Amino acid sequence: MRRIASGQDRERGAAAVLVALLMVVLLGFGALAVDVGLLYSEKAQLQNGADAGALGIAQACAKNTADPKCATTSPLAKELVDKNSLDSLSNVQSIALDVPNRKVTVTADPLEAGRADNDVSLYFAGVLGIDSSSVVAKSTVVWGSPSKGTTPFPLAISKCQVTTLLIDGSQQLIQSHGSNANDDCPTTSSGGDTPGGFGWLVQDPGKCGAYIDLDLNESGADTGNDGPTNCDAVLNQWAADINAGKNVIVLLPVFKSVSGTGSGTSYDVEAFAAFKVEGWKFAGSSTLPLTFRNRTEWAGTNACSGSCRGIIGRFITYTALSSDYELGPVTPYGATVVKLTS
């Protein structure tokens, strides 16, 4: 007896066709998940490396533009890009260096063992006819000395305390009033403003620091010996860092002349200088540990006892990584900043 074919018999093999079609789709999604993830990781590594390379070259240029590391042939870029790669392999396509405008751009791409530059092998995408892909990362960094920005502590230091001969020199006591160790600095009686010491600046609302624009004169605040009471938290943090063996380095504005008196004082600020803080004595900072208000080891010319009020430390050559400042040409006061722009 002849068997009558059912509708289900006519659909035999359809599932296999669907599975075959779906496998292509699934492999496509595999390529998307695995290979795109691979490329994303490669891009992140390269970007970190390009950033590090550009920052390294900018730091070298900020210190000395004649340094071999400050060049389009600088080996520093390759070294830092490699260190940020998981397989320690990479390629620096180019180093674009513009010394007059204080800018460097590093462009990097991957280097895979046994393959040409910028040819990243893929896993699943090969099923779709895509065996490899390219990845490029670029980073631009500028350097210079700060021209605008907020100093973290509202002090302006006189130029006579920060001559280039004193950069990376010995420890100084800079008093808010009275005699200073540097004989070139003039002095005035208690209660006056002196270019030989420092001046309190008008603080930004609700902050300890003060915004500085080198193109503008900065007005003064209280001319007394007491430090700003809203800066106790900053000073306590400095004390904690020093106790922990950390360096406390702040960029402080340098003024070349002062006019007026009292709250009408005006400072002609010309640069920022890097100051390594080692101690202070401000009457208004009553919450500070006594050891940091009047340390017994400050002796000789740096002794600060009795009515003495001031800050103790040394001016240093220092390059900071910061996006908080607008930059201008490098000044002779030792403070430079490098920052990423793209």
C-alpha atoms as a PDB file:
ATOM      1  CA  MET A   1       0.000   0.000   0.000  1.00  0.00           C
ATOM      2  CA  ARG A   2       1.415   3.400  -1.022  1.00  0.00           C
ATOM      3  CA  ARG A   3       2.208   5.829   1.783  1.00  0.00           C
ATOM      4  CA  ILE A   4       0.653   9.264   1.439  1.00  0.00           C
ATOM      5  CA  ALA A   5       3.241  12.038   2.124  1.00  0.00           C
ATOM      6  CA  SER A   6       2.323  14.406   4.885  1.00  0.00           C
ATOM      7  CA  GLY A   7       3.030  18.136   5.011  1.00  0.00           C
ATOM      8  CA  GLN A   8       5.695  17.478   7.631  1.00  0.00           C
ATOM      9  CA  ASP A   9       7.620  15.264   5.205  1.00  0.00           C
ATOM     10  CA  ARG A  10       7.860  18.146   2.754  1.00  0.00           C
ATOM     11  CA  GLU A  11       9.495  20.313   5.496  1.00  0.00           C
ATOM     12  CA  ARG A  12      12.247  17.805   6.271  1.00  0.00           C
ATOM     13  CA  GLY A  13      15.717  19.529   6.058  1.00  0.00           C
ATOM     14  CA  ALA A  14      14.293  22.996   6.703  1.00  0.00           C
ATOM     15  CA  ALA A  15      15.721  23.079  10.224  1.00  0.00           C
ATOM     16  CA  ALA A  16      19.194  22.357   8.890  1.00  0.00           C
ATOM     17  CA  VAL A  17      18.918  25.263   6.482  1.00  0.00           C
ATOM     18  CA  LEU A  18      17.777  27.582   9.274  1.00  0.00           C
ATOM     19  CA  VAL A  19      20.604  26.422  11.555  1.00  0.00           C
ATOM     20  CA  ALA A  20      23.118  27.057   8.780  1.00  0.00           C
ATOM     21  CA  LEU A  21      21.766  30.542   8.207  1.00  0.00           C
ATOM     22  CA  LEU A  22      21.660  31.281  11.913  1.00  0.00           C
ATOM     23  CA  MET A  23      25.249  30.075  12.341  1.00  0.00           C
ATOM     24  CA  VAL A  24      26.384  32.837  10.014  1.00  0.00           C
ATOM     25  CA  VAL A  25      24.454  35.340  12.116  1.00  0.00           C
ATOM     26  CA  LEU A  26      25.829  33.887  15.343  1.00  0.00           C
ATOM     27  CA  LEU A  27      29.371  34.003  14.000  1.00  0.00           C
ATOM     28  CA  GLY A  28      28.739  37.596  12.983  1.00  0.00           C
ATOM     29  CA  PHE A  29      27.707  38.429  16.538  1.00  0.00           C
ATOM     30  CA  GLY A  30      30.770  36.546  17.776  1.00  0.00           C
ATOM     31  CA  ALA A  31      32.917  38.700  15.569  1.00  0.00           C
ATOM     32  CA  LEU A  32      31.172  41.787  16.935  1.00  0.00           C
ATOM     33  CA  ALA A  33      31.585  40.750  20.583  1.00  0.00           C
ATOM     34  CA  VAL A  34      35.101  39.311  20.505  1.00  0.00           C
ATOM     35  CA  ASP A  35      36.836  41.200  17.732  1.00  0.00           C
ATOM     36  CA  VAL A  36      35.357  44.600  18.487  1.00  0.00           C
ATOM     37  CA  GLY A  37      36.280  44.044  22.126  1.00  0.00           C
ATOM     38  CA  LEU A  38      39.797  43.179  20.995  1.00  0.00           C
ATOM     39  CA  LEU A  39      40.043  46.364  18.948  1.00  0.00           C
ATOM     40  CA  TYR A  40      38.638  48.422  21.823  1.00  0.00           C
ATOM     41  CA  SER A  41      41.307  47.022  24.156  1.00  0.00           C
ATOM     42  CA  GLU A  42      44.029  47.675  21.587  1.00  0.00           C
ATOM     43  CA  LYS A  43      42.814  51.261  21.157  1.00  0.00           C
ATOM     44  CA  ALA A  44      42.792  51.855  24.927  1.00  0.00           C
ATOM     45  CA  GLN A  45      46.350  50.526  25.258  1.00  0.00           C
ATOM     46  CA  LEU A  46      47.554  52.656  22.375  1.00  0.00           C
ATOM     47  CA  GLN A  47      45.821  55.767  23.714  1.00  0.00           C
ATOM     48  CA  ASN A  48      47.436  55.315  27.121  1.00  0.00           C
ATOM     49  CA  GLY A  49      50.772  54.846  25.402  1.00  0.00           C
ATOM     50  CA  ALA A  50      50.371  57.870  23.122  1.00  0.00           C
ATOM     51  CA  ASP A  51      49.354  59.992  26.132  1.00  0.00           C
ATOM     52  CA  ALA A  52      52.362  58.779  28.114  1.00  0.00           C
ATOM     53  CA  GLY A  53      54.721  59.350  25.196  1.00  0.00           C
ATOM     54  CA  ALA A  54      53.489  62.878  24.504  1.00  0.00           C
ATOM     55  CA  LEU A  55      53.579  63.770  28.215  1.00  0.00           C
ATOM     56  CA  GLY A  56      57.106  62.397  28.555  1.00  0.00           C
ATOM     57  CA  ILE A  57      58.414  64.409  25.619  1.00  0.00           C
ATOM     58  CA  ALA A  58      56.604  67.551  26.827  1.00  0.00           C
ATOM     59  CA  GLN A  59      58.164  67.177  30.281  1.00  0.00           C
ATOM     60  CA  ALA A  60      61.621  66.886  28.715  1.00  0.00           C
ATOM     61  CA  CYS A  61      60.982  69.956  26.553  1.00  0.00           C
ATOM     62  CA  ALA A  62      59.644  71.928  29.525  1.00  0.00           C
ATOM     63  CA  LYS A  63      62.942  71.373  31.336  1.00  0.00           C
ATOM     64  CA  ASN A  64      65.291  71.814  28.392  1.00  0.00           C
ATOM     65  CA  THR A  65      64.411  72.075  24.701  1.00  0.00           C
ATOM     66  CA  ALA A  66      67.967  70.991  23.865  1.00  0.00           C
ATOM     67  CA  ASP A  67      67.394  67.624  25.549  1.00  0.00           C
ATOM     68  CA  PRO A  68      67.623  64.753  22.972  1.00  0.00           C
ATOM     69  CA  LYS A  69      64.322  63.504  24.385  1.00  0.00           C
ATOM     70  CA  CYS A  70      62.747  66.749  23.175  1.00  0.00           C
ATOM     71  CA  ALA A  71      62.907  65.814  19.493  1.00  0.00           C
ATOM     72  CA  THR A  72      60.973  64.154  16.699  1.00  0.00           C
ATOM     73  CA  THR A  73      63.440  61.280  17.030  1.00  0.00           C
ATOM     74  CA  SER A  74      62.959  60.952  20.781  1.00  0.00           C
ATOM     75  CA  PRO A  75      63.222  57.313  21.908  1.00  0.00           C
ATOM     76  CA  LEU A  76      61.016  58.172  24.881  1.00  0.00           C
ATOM     77  CA  ALA A  77      57.791  57.896  22.879  1.00  0.00           C
ATOM     78  CA  LYS A  78      58.501  54.336  21.703  1.00  0.00           C
ATOM     79  CA  GLU A  79      59.590  53.294  25.189  1.00  0.00           C
ATOM     80  CA  LEU A  80      56.439  54.613  26.864  1.00  0.00           C
ATOM     81  CA  VAL A  81      54.039  53.384  24.174  1.00  0.00           C
ATOM     82  CA  ASP A  82      55.540  49.890  24.451  1.00  0.00           C
ATOM     83  CA  LYS A  83      55.238  49.918  28.244  1.00  0.00           C
ATOM     84  CA  ASN A  84      51.509  50.601  27.943  1.00  0.00           C
ATOM     85  CA  SER A  85      50.956  47.689  25.561  1.00  0.00           C
ATOM     86  CA  LEU A  86      50.047  44.288  27.017  1.00  0.00           C
ATOM     87  CA  ASP A  87      52.445  42.536  24.642  1.00  0.00           C
ATOM     88  CA  SER A  88      55.070  45.324  24.926  1.00  0.00           C
ATOM     89  CA  LEU A  89      54.901  45.843  21.163  1.00  0.00           C
ATOM     90  CA  SER A  90      53.758  49.002  19.388  1.00  0.00           C
ATOM     91  CA  ASN A  91      54.722  51.400  16.657  1.00  0.00           C
ATOM     92  CA  VAL A  92      55.132  55.175  16.820  1.00  0.00           C
ATOM     93  CA  GLN A  93      53.884  56.494  13.499  1.00  0.00           C
ATOM     94  CA  SER A  94      55.051  60.033  14.083  1.00  0.00           C
ATOM     95  CA  ILE A  95      56.151  62.672  16.584  1.00  0.00           C
ATOM     96  CA  ALA A  96      55.073  66.188  15.599  1.00  0.00           C
ATOM     97  CA  LEU A  97      57.001  68.712  17.687  1.00  0.00           C
ATOM     98  CA  ASP A  98      56.298  72.452  17.660  1.00  0.00           C
ATOM     99  CA  VAL A  99      58.787  73.988  20.111  1.00  0.00           C
ATOM    100  CA  PRO A 100      57.864  77.676  19.492  1.00  0.00           C
ATOM    101  CA  ASN A 101      54.230  76.913  20.352  1.00  0.00           C
ATOM    102  CA  ARG A 102      55.229  74.395  23.044  1.00  0.00           C
ATOM    103  CA  LYS A 103      53.214  71.485  21.653  1.00  0.00           C
ATOM    104  CA  VAL A 104      53.889  67.837  20.817  1.00  0.00           C
ATOM    105  CA  THR A 105      51.666  65.235  19.165  1.00  0.00           C
ATOM    106  CA  VAL A 106      52.408  61.506  19.254  1.00  0.00           C
ATOM    107  CA  THR A 107      50.594  59.119  16.886  1.00  0.00           C
ATOM    108  CA  ALA A 108      50.819  55.384  17.607  1.00  0.00           C
ATOM    109  CA  ASP A 109      49.525  52.167  16.086  1.00  0.00           C
ATOM    110  CA  PRO A 110      49.812  48.470  16.999  1.00  0.00           C
ATOM    111  CA  LEU A 111      52.689  46.209  16.087  1.00  0.00           C
ATOM    112  CA  GLU A 112      51.899  42.504  16.119  1.00  0.00           C
ATOM    113  CA  ALA A 113      54.644  39.900  15.951  1.00  0.00           C
ATOM    114  CA  GLY A 114      54.978  38.530  12.423  1.00  0.00           C
ATOM    115  CA  ARG A 115      52.648  41.119  10.885  1.00  0.00           C
ATOM    116  CA  ALA A 116      53.007  44.523   9.274  1.00  0.00           C
ATOM    117  CA  ASP A 117      52.497  47.712  11.264  1.00  0.00           C
ATOM    118  CA  ASN A 118      48.918  48.543  12.151  1.00  0.00           C
ATOM    119  CA  ASP A 119      47.560  45.150  11.131  1.00  0.00           C
ATOM    120  CA  VAL A 120      45.634  43.598  14.026  1.00  0.00           C
ATOM    121  CA  SER A 121      44.590  39.984  13.405  1.00  0.00           C
ATOM    122  CA  LEU A 122      40.949  39.167  14.167  1.00  0.00           C
ATOM    123  CA  TYR A 123      39.374  35.895  15.283  1.00  0.00           C
ATOM    124  CA  PHE A 124      35.772  35.378  14.199  1.00  0.00           C
ATOM    125  CA  ALA A 125      35.565  38.151  11.614  1.00  0.00           C
ATOM    126  CA  GLY A 126      37.637  36.021   9.254  1.00  0.00           C
ATOM    127  CA  VAL A 127      34.482  33.998   8.559  1.00  0.00           C
ATOM    128  CA  LEU A 128      33.046  37.174   7.069  1.00  0.00           C
ATOM    129  CA  GLY A 129      36.163  37.789   5.019  1.00  0.00           C
ATOM    130  CA  ILE A 130      37.681  40.330   7.434  1.00  0.00           C
ATOM    131  CA  ASP A 131      41.021  38.975   8.631  1.00  0.00           C
ATOM    132  CA  SER A 132      42.481  42.107  10.204  1.00  0.00           C
ATOM    133  CA  SER A 133      41.860  45.719  11.073  1.00  0.00           C
ATOM    134  CA  SER A 134      43.803  48.889  11.873  1.00  0.00           C
ATOM    135  CA  VAL A 135      43.830  51.064  15.005  1.00  0.00           C
ATOM    136  CA  VAL A 136      45.400  54.482  15.500  1.00  0.00           C
ATOM    137  CA  ALA A 137      45.738  56.618  18.631  1.00  0.00           C
ATOM    138  CA  LYS A 138      46.858  60.238  18.774  1.00  0.00           C
ATOM    139  CA  SER A 139      47.683  62.456  21.736  1.00  0.00           C
ATOM    140  CA  THR A 140      48.572  66.148  21.881  1.00  0.00           C
ATOM    141  CA  VAL A 141      50.218  67.749  24.910  1.00  0.00           C
ATOM    142  CA  VAL A 142      51.206  71.362  25.523  1.00  0.00           C
ATOM    143  CA  TRP A 143      53.692  72.706  28.037  1.00  0.00           C
ATOM    144  CA  GLY A 144      54.576  76.079  29.509  1.00  0.00           C
ATOM    145  CA  SER A 145      54.518  78.139  32.668  1.00  0.00           C
ATOM    146  CA  PRO A 146      51.132  79.034  34.167  1.00  0.00           C
ATOM    147  CA  SER A 147      49.680  82.375  33.077  1.00  0.00           C
ATOM    148  CA  LYS A 148      46.213  81.998  34.593  1.00  0.00           C
ATOM    149  CA  GLY A 149      44.833  79.717  37.270  1.00  0.00           C
ATOM    150  CA  THR A 150      44.022  79.274  40.932  1.00  0.00           C
ATOM    151  CA  THR A 151      46.816  79.120  43.462  1.00  0.00           C
ATOM    152  CA  PRO A 152      45.809  76.615  46.187  1.00  0.00           C
ATOM    153  CA  PHE A 153      46.906  78.986  48.951  1.00  0.00           C
ATOM    154  CA  PRO A 154      46.301  82.764  48.875  1.00  0.00           C
ATOM    155  CA  LEU A 155      49.900  83.978  49.069  1.00  0.00           C
ATOM    156  CA  ALA A 156      51.879  86.119  46.662  1.00  0.00           C
ATOM    157  CA  ILE A 157      55.653  85.938  47.130  1.00  0.00           C
ATOM    158  CA  SER A 158      57.978  88.823  46.336  1.00  0.00           C
ATOM    159  CA  LYS A 159      60.317  88.503  43.368  1.00  0.00           C
ATOM    160  CA  CYS A 160      63.262  89.327  45.595  1.00  0.00           C
ATOM    161  CA  GLN A 161      62.645  86.049  47.475  1.00  0.00           C
ATOM    162  CA  VAL A 162      62.522  84.028  44.246  1.00  0.00           C
ATOM    163  CA  THR A 163      65.488  85.138  42.166  1.00  0.00           C
ATOM    164  CA  THR A 164      66.759  82.469  39.789  1.00  0.00           C
ATOM    165  CA  LEU A 165      69.780  82.064  42.059  1.00  0.00           C
ATOM    166  CA  LEU A 166      67.446  80.844  44.798  1.00  0.00           C
ATOM    167  CA  ILE A 167      65.666  78.195  42.697  1.00  0.00           C
ATOM    168  CA  ASP A 168      66.727  74.762  43.992  1.00  0.00           C
ATOM    169  CA  GLY A 169      68.601  76.573  46.731  1.00  0.00           C
ATOM    170  CA  SER A 170      68.523  76.436  50.493  1.00  0.00           C
ATOM    171  CA  GLN A 171      65.556  76.550  52.835  1.00  0.00           C
ATOM    172  CA  GLN A 172      64.015  79.980  53.394  1.00  0.00           C
ATOM    173  CA  LEU A 173      61.865  81.618  56.023  1.00  0.00           C
ATOM    174  CA  ILE A 174      59.588  84.116  54.296  1.00  0.00           C
ATOM    175  CA  GLN A 175      57.919  86.345  56.846  1.00  0.00           C
ATOM    176  CA  SER A 176      54.641  88.099  56.318  1.00  0.00           C
ATOM    177  CA  HIS A 177      56.165  91.215  57.929  1.00  0.00           C
ATOM    178  CA  GLY A 178      59.541  92.358  59.130  1.00  0.00           C
ATOM    179  CA  SER A 179      63.047  91.307  58.258  1.00  0.00           C
ATOM    180  CA  ASN A 180      63.784  88.516  55.792  1.00  0.00           C
ATOM    181  CA  ALA A 181      66.864  86.400  55.263  1.00  0.00           C
ATOM    182  CA  ASN A 182      67.425  87.823  51.776  1.00  0.00           C
ATOM    183  CA  ASP A 183      69.124  91.201  52.261  1.00  0.00           C
ATOM    184  CA  ASP A 184      67.958  92.364  48.839  1.00  0.00           C
ATOM    185  CA  CYS A 185      64.374  92.435  50.076  1.00  0.00           C
ATOM    186  CA  PRO A 186      63.117  95.693  51.581  1.00  0.00           C
ATOM    187  CA  THR A 187      61.281  95.651  54.879  1.00  0.00           C
ATOM    188  CA  THR A 188      58.608  97.705  56.571  1.00  0.00           C
ATOM    189  CA  SER A 189      57.284  97.904  60.072  1.00  0.00           C
ATOM    190  CA  SER A 190      54.648  95.562  61.442  1.00  0.00           C
ATOM    191  CA  GLY A 191      51.276  96.114  59.816  1.00  0.00           C
ATOM    192  CA  GLY A 192      52.690  97.253  56.490  1.00  0.00           C
ATOM    193  CA  ASP A 193      52.895  95.497  53.155  1.00  0.00           C
ATOM    194  CA  THR A 194      56.395  94.570  52.119  1.00  0.00           C
ATOM    195  CA  PRO A 195      57.764  93.407  48.760  1.00  0.00           C
ATOM    196  CA  GLY A 196      60.345  91.617  50.896  1.00  0.00           C
ATOM    197  CA  GLY A 197      57.898  89.046  52.177  1.00  0.00           C
ATOM    198  CA  PHE A 198      54.530  87.937  50.902  1.00  0.00           C
ATOM    199  CA  GLY A 199      51.012  89.277  50.705  1.00  0.00           C
ATOM    200  CA  TRP A 200      47.641  87.720  51.340  1.00  0.00           C
ATOM    201  CA  LEU A 201      45.422  87.687  48.270  1.00  0.00           C
ATOM    202  CA  VAL A 202      41.674  88.067  47.913  1.00  0.00           C
ATOM    203  CA  GLN A 203      40.334  84.519  47.945  1.00  0.00           C
ATOM    204  CA  ASP A 204      37.810  83.046  45.559  1.00  0.00           C
ATOM    205  CA  PRO A 205      34.345  82.812  47.144  1.00  0.00           C
ATOM    206  CA  GLY A 206      34.121  79.799  49.434  1.00  0.00           C
ATOM    207  CA  LYS A 207      37.671  78.649  48.667  1.00  0.00           C
ATOM    208  CA  CYS A 208      41.082  78.872  50.257  1.00  0.00           C
ATOM    209  CA  GLY A 209      42.860  79.703  46.996  1.00  0.00           C
ATOM    210  CA  ALA A 210      42.815  82.748  44.751  1.00  0.00           C
ATOM    211  CA  TYR A 211      42.471  83.024  40.980  1.00  0.00           C
ATOM    212  CA  ILE A 212      45.493  84.665  39.341  1.00  0.00           C
ATOM    213  CA  ASP A 213      45.766  86.287  35.905  1.00  0.00           C
ATOM    214  CA  LEU A 214      49.277  87.523  35.139  1.00  0.00           C
ATOM    215  CA  ASP A 215      47.834  90.194  32.860  1.00  0.00           C
ATOM    216  CA  LEU A 216      45.964  91.776  35.766  1.00  0.00           C
ATOM    217  CA  ASN A 217      47.074  93.297  39.056  1.00  0.00           C
ATOM    218  CA  GLU A 218      45.901  91.285  42.043  1.00  0.00           C
ATOM    219  CA  SER A 219      44.299  93.059  44.963  1.00  0.00           C
ATOM    220  CA  GLY A 220      45.359  92.289  48.501  1.00  0.00           C
ATOM    221  CA  ALA A 221      43.324  91.187  51.488  1.00  0.00           C
ATOM    222  CA  ASP A 222      44.020  91.382  55.215  1.00  0.00           C
ATOM    223  CA  THR A 223      47.529  92.695  55.850  1.00  0.00           C
ATOM    224  CA  GLY A 224      47.745  91.268  59.355  1.00  0.00           C
ATOM    225  CA  ASN A 225      49.749  88.265  60.498  1.00  0.00           C
ATOM    226  CA  ASP A 226      46.822  85.871  60.817  1.00  0.00           C
ATOM    227  CA  GLY A 227      46.332  83.325  58.079  1.00  0.00           C
ATOM    228  CA  PRO A 228      42.894  82.867  56.500  1.00  0.00           C
ATOM    229  CA  THR A 229      40.767  80.797  58.863  1.00  0.00           C
ATOM    230  CA  ASN A 230      39.078  78.916  56.017  1.00  0.00           C
ATOM    231  CA  CYS A 231      42.459  77.443  54.999  1.00  0.00           C
ATOM    232  CA  ASP A 232      42.909  75.309  58.117  1.00  0.00           C
ATOM    233  CA  ALA A 233      41.791  72.180  56.249  1.00  0.00           C
ATOM    234  CA  VAL A 234      44.434  72.788  53.576  1.00  0.00           C
ATOM    235  CA  LEU A 235      47.161  73.373  56.152  1.00  0.00           C
ATOM    236  CA  ASN A 236      46.171  70.303  58.155  1.00  0.00           C
ATOM    237  CA  GLN A 237      46.394  68.221  54.989  1.00  0.00           C
ATOM    238  CA  TRP A 238      49.858  69.640  54.346  1.00  0.00           C
ATOM    239  CA  ALA A 239      50.860  68.663  57.888  1.00  0.00           C
ATOM    240  CA  ALA A 240      49.531  65.125  57.398  1.00  0.00           C
ATOM    241  CA  ASP A 241      51.392  64.757  54.101  1.00  0.00           C
ATOM    242  CA  ILE A 242      54.664  66.017  55.566  1.00  0.00           C
ATOM    243  CA  ASN A 243      54.274  63.634  58.519  1.00  0.00           C
ATOM    244  CA  ALA A 244      53.782  60.807  56.011  1.00  0.00           C
ATOM    245  CA  GLY A 245      57.026  61.724  54.256  1.00  0.00           C
ATOM    246  CA  LYS A 246      55.336  63.221  51.184  1.00  0.00           C
ATOM    247  CA  ASN A 247      56.413  66.373  49.401  1.00  0.00           C
ATOM    248  CA  VAL A 248      54.036  69.334  49.565  1.00  0.00           C
ATOM    249  CA  ILE A 249      54.632  71.473  46.463  1.00  0.00           C
ATOM    250  CA  VAL A 250      52.397  74.402  45.547  1.00  0.00           C
ATOM    251  CA  LEU A 251      52.496  76.911  42.704  1.00  0.00           C
ATOM    252  CA  LEU A 252      52.540  80.389  44.230  1.00  0.00           C
ATOM    253  CA  PRO A 253      52.338  83.708  42.341  1.00  0.00           C
ATOM    254  CA  VAL A 254      55.385  85.973  42.303  1.00  0.00           C
ATOM    255  CA  PHE A 255      54.921  89.751  42.370  1.00  0.00           C
ATOM    256  CA  LYS A 256      57.511  92.274  41.192  1.00  0.00           C
ATOM    257  CA  SER A 257      56.010  95.362  42.808  1.00  0.00           C
ATOM    258  CA  VAL A 258      53.307  96.361  45.256  1.00  0.00           C
ATOM    259  CA  SER A 259      51.287  99.525  45.647  1.00  0.00           C
ATOM    260  CA  GLY A 260      48.702 100.812  48.120  1.00  0.00           C
ATOM    261  CA  THR A 261      48.128  99.750  51.690  1.00  0.00           C
ATOM    262  CA  GLY A 262      45.695  97.661  53.661  1.00  0.00           C
ATOM    263  CA  SER A 263      42.777  96.198  51.732  1.00  0.00           C
ATOM    264  CA  GLY A 264      43.657  98.544  48.850  1.00  0.00           C
ATOM    265  CA  THR A 265      47.005  96.846  48.228  1.00  0.00           C
ATOM    266  CA  SER A 266      47.682  95.785  44.649  1.00  0.00           C
ATOM    267  CA  TYR A 267      50.314  93.253  43.534  1.00  0.00           C
ATOM    268  CA  ASP A 268      51.865  93.295  40.066  1.00  0.00           C
ATOM    269  CA  VAL A 269      52.179  89.522  39.551  1.00  0.00           C
ATOM    270  CA  GLU A 270      54.556  88.322  36.831  1.00  0.00           C
ATOM    271  CA  ALA A 271      54.885  84.534  37.233  1.00  0.00           C
ATOM    272  CA  PHE A 272      54.242  81.415  39.283  1.00  0.00           C
ATOM    273  CA  ALA A 273      56.955  79.657  41.262  1.00  0.00           C
ATOM    274  CA  ALA A 274      57.027  76.125  42.685  1.00  0.00           C
ATOM    275  CA  PHE A 275      57.448  76.176  46.471  1.00  0.00           C
ATOM    276  CA  LYS A 276      58.160  73.058  48.521  1.00  0.00           C
ATOM    277  CA  VAL A 277      56.435  73.687  51.847  1.00  0.00           C
ATOM    278  CA  GLU A 278      58.320  72.498  54.932  1.00  0.00           C
ATOM    279  CA  GLY A 279      56.568  74.462  57.670  1.00  0.00           C
ATOM    280  CA  TRP A 280      54.696  77.604  58.665  1.00  0.00           C
ATOM    281  CA  LYS A 281      53.554  79.704  61.554  1.00  0.00           C
ATOM    282  CA  PHE A 282      50.287  81.586  61.183  1.00  0.00           C
ATOM    283  CA  ALA A 283      48.479  82.879  64.236  1.00  0.00           C
ATOM    284  CA  GLY A 284      45.078  82.320  62.697  1.00  0.00           C
ATOM    285  CA  SER A 285      45.658  78.603  62.148  1.00  0.00           C
ATOM    286  CA  SER A 286      44.951  77.563  65.709  1.00  0.00           C
ATOM    287  CA  THR A 287      43.770  74.072  64.797  1.00  0.00           C
ATOM    288  CA  LEU A 288      47.129  73.016  63.360  1.00  0.00           C
ATOM    289  CA  PRO A 289      49.488  70.656  65.161  1.00  0.00           C
ATOM    290  CA  LEU A 290      51.918  72.735  67.200  1.00  0.00           C
ATOM    291  CA  THR A 291      54.921  71.014  65.628  1.00  0.00           C
ATOM    292  CA  PHE A 292      54.021  72.489  62.263  1.00  0.00           C
ATOM    293  CA  ARG A 293      53.236  75.945  63.584  1.00  0.00           C
ATOM    294  CA  ASN A 294      56.585  76.414  65.284  1.00  0.00           C
ATOM    295  CA  ARG A 295      58.997  73.530  64.801  1.00  0.00           C
ATOM    296  CA  THR A 296      61.939  73.448  67.178  1.00  0.00           C
ATOM    297  CA  GLU A 297      64.390  72.364  64.465  1.00  0.00           C
ATOM    298  CA  TRP A 298      63.958  75.678  62.640  1.00  0.00           C
ATOM    299  CA  ALA A 299      67.034  77.440  63.877  1.00  0.00           C
ATOM    300  CA  GLY A 300      69.430  80.210  62.916  1.00  0.00           C
ATOM    301  CA  THR A 301      68.189  82.381  60.075  1.00  0.00           C
ATOM    302  CA  ASN A 302      65.053  80.238  59.773  1.00  0.00           C
ATOM    303  CA  ALA A 303      64.034  80.499  63.420  1.00  0.00           C
ATOM    304  CA  CYS A 304      60.443  81.688  63.728  1.00  0.00           C
ATOM    305  CA  SER A 305      59.549  82.286  67.354  1.00  0.00           C
ATOM    306  CA  GLY A 306      57.705  84.898  69.353  1.00  0.00           C
ATOM    307  CA  SER A 307      55.757  87.266  67.095  1.00  0.00           C
ATOM    308  CA  CYS A 308      57.297  85.835  63.915  1.00  0.00           C
ATOM    309  CA  ARG A 309      54.782  84.737  61.302  1.00  0.00           C
ATOM    310  CA  GLY A 310      55.706  83.163  57.995  1.00  0.00           C
ATOM    311  CA  ILE A 311      56.136  80.154  55.770  1.00  0.00           C
ATOM    312  CA  ILE A 312      59.227  77.962  55.513  1.00  0.00           C
ATOM    313  CA  GLY A 313      60.436  75.973  52.540  1.00  0.00           C
ATOM    314  CA  ARG A 314      62.402  76.226  49.318  1.00  0.00           C
ATOM    315  CA  PHE A 315      61.777  77.157  45.698  1.00  0.00           C
ATOM    316  CA  ILE A 316      62.385  74.274  43.304  1.00  0.00           C
ATOM    317  CA  THR A 317      62.358  73.340  39.647  1.00  0.00           C
ATOM    318  CA  TYR A 318      59.107  71.467  39.189  1.00  0.00           C
ATOM    319  CA  THR A 319      56.965  70.221  36.323  1.00  0.00           C
ATOM    320  CA  ALA A 320      53.345  69.463  37.153  1.00  0.00           C
ATOM    321  CA  LEU A 321      50.686  67.552  35.237  1.00  0.00           C
ATOM    322  CA  SER A 322      47.587  69.714  35.496  1.00  0.00           C
ATOM    323  CA  SER A 323      44.656  70.952  33.443  1.00  0.00           C
ATOM    324  CA  ASP A 324      43.876  73.750  35.911  1.00  0.00           C
ATOM    325  CA  TYR A 325      46.079  76.417  34.340  1.00  0.00           C
ATOM    326  CA  GLU A 326      46.288  78.341  31.098  1.00  0.00           C
ATOM    327  CA  LEU A 327      49.866  78.304  29.885  1.00  0.00           C
ATOM    328  CA  GLY A 328      52.306  80.813  28.489  1.00  0.00           C
ATOM    329  CA  PRO A 329      56.037  80.861  27.687  1.00  0.00           C
ATOM    330  CA  VAL A 330      58.389  79.142  30.118  1.00  0.00           C
ATOM    331  CA  THR A 331      59.624  81.552  32.804  1.00  0.00           C
ATOM    332  CA  PRO A 332      62.948  81.357  34.705  1.00  0.00           C
ATOM    333  CA  TYR A 333      61.191  80.651  38.008  1.00  0.00           C
ATOM    334  CA  GLY A 334      61.242  76.860  37.653  1.00  0.00           C
ATOM    335  CA  ALA A 335      57.486  76.133  37.529  1.00  0.00           C
ATOM    336  CA  THR A 336      56.138  74.476  34.392  1.00  0.00           C
ATOM    337  CA  VAL A 337      52.984  72.557  33.602  1.00  0.00           C
ATOM    338  CA  VAL A 338      52.185  69.926  30.968  1.00  0.00           C
ATOM    339  CA  LYS A 339      48.618  69.091  30.044  1.00  0.00           C
ATOM    340  CA  LEU A 340      46.724  66.967  27.559  1.00  0.00           C
ATOM    341  CA  THR A 341      44.664  68.817  24.973  1.00  0.00           C
ATOM    342  CA  SER A 342      43.481  65.870  22.883  1.00  0.00           C
END
